[in-house]
Amino acid sequence: MTDLFVPLQSLKQGDWFKLICGASFQHLPAVRSLTLAYTLAGADCIDVAADPAVIAAAQSGLQAAKSLAKDAQKRGFDYKGNLPFLMVSLNDGEDPHFRKAEFNPHECPTNCPRPCERICPAQAIVFDSIKEDFSGVVSEKCYGCGRCIPICPYGIIYTASYVTTPGAIAPLVMSTGVDAVEIHTQVGRLAEFERLWQAISPWADKLKLLAISCPDGEGMIDYLRALYDRIAPLKGALIWQTDGRSMSGDIGDGTTIAAVKLGQKVLAAKLPGYVQLAGGTNKYTVAKLKAMGLFNSAEFRVMSAEKNYTTQHSALSTQHSHIAGVAYGSYARVLLSPILEQLENKEVSNTNMKATVRLEEDEVLLWQAVELAHSLVSQIKSQQER
């Protein structure tokens, strides 16, 4: 089996793990470090913003991980040097994953307790920061969770959303050699989805995987079926990403319930392809899935997209009763944030030499990060009966 097909085997087995760096997260050092650590920990897919600089940072992290495969094995990790899929996220309309918080710090009263700074999980809000030489929202660190907006005592924080321009972004992104694309859509945006898909379709045959992410809503299942009609036939695998509660996994155990419930709903619809959880996933998710019998202990049947297309009725009537995998976003990033912060502080201490410390250059921090990442990845991998 080639490196490219190892992630597909994970989908088939039902122990797929995806790291979501963030559709609007553009902090290049963090993207590279997260990619490196989670690849060494055994991730099957790294999902990043559709930004050539971000893609390049992730690719650099992937190559660094591959060079460390033997070291990882010596330390007891299962990583064999195979590369996870590199995925980019696109949107067909306004979406909470594709936005940034903004505010004018000069409007903040001097006596404000600044709850926004404390609540930000990405440490993207700073005031009078020597390190950043800046006050306000550090744009490249913000991934649009929106938690700062309702907590601002003066209501001066807002968000700026951005929507993919299909004709412009598709050629730019698809030419970078990514393996997979995820389209974020919502019920009722069929025409917008079609425009984006038309821009991507010239590269569709080269994709190993297409994921469609959609939150719940009235008529969701009919909408997903309509999307399938538009994209079939596919040569690569198809994932339905059930976005239970966006960017909330680091809040608490309750958030995973929405992700699991939506996963059950899509499974019951018997759609062709795999079902993968997202939105509210965290350390409680695997235990919840296991308790509900939603992990697959036998292999999924592999259905080619051509077969799905020619025998669409039978494919739709074939029920997949198990979740194929889980994607982790905010929880996975926050889990490693203490390590990344230490690394960033080392970079600051070396600014006079204009040196950038990469994660693999600090052996202690590197393997601490991998160990933390592995504590999450192994929850899925260890549940699979071999």
Foldseek 3Di string as FASTA:
>chain_A
DALACPQVQLLQLQLAEEEEAFQQAAPLQLLLLLLLQLLLLPHQEYEYHLDVSNLVSNVVSLVVNLVCNVVSVVVPHPRNSRGHFYEYEAELDWDQRFKFKWFDPVPDDPPFPPVLCVVDLQNQADDCDPLVNDGIGNRNSGRRPCPSQVVGPVRGMDMDGDHDPQQPSQVVRLVVDGQEYEYEYEPPSVVSVLVNCVSNVVCQQRHQEYEYEYEDDVCVLVRVVVVLVSDPQGQHAYEYEYAQAAPCQVPDDVFLVSQVVSQQVNLVQLAAGAYETHHNDAPCNLVVCVVVVQGDQDTHDDDGSNNCVVPVVVSRVDGDRHHSYYYYYSRLSSLLVVLVVVQSVVCSVCVVVPDHDHQVNDVVSSVVSSVSSSVRSCSSVVVHDD
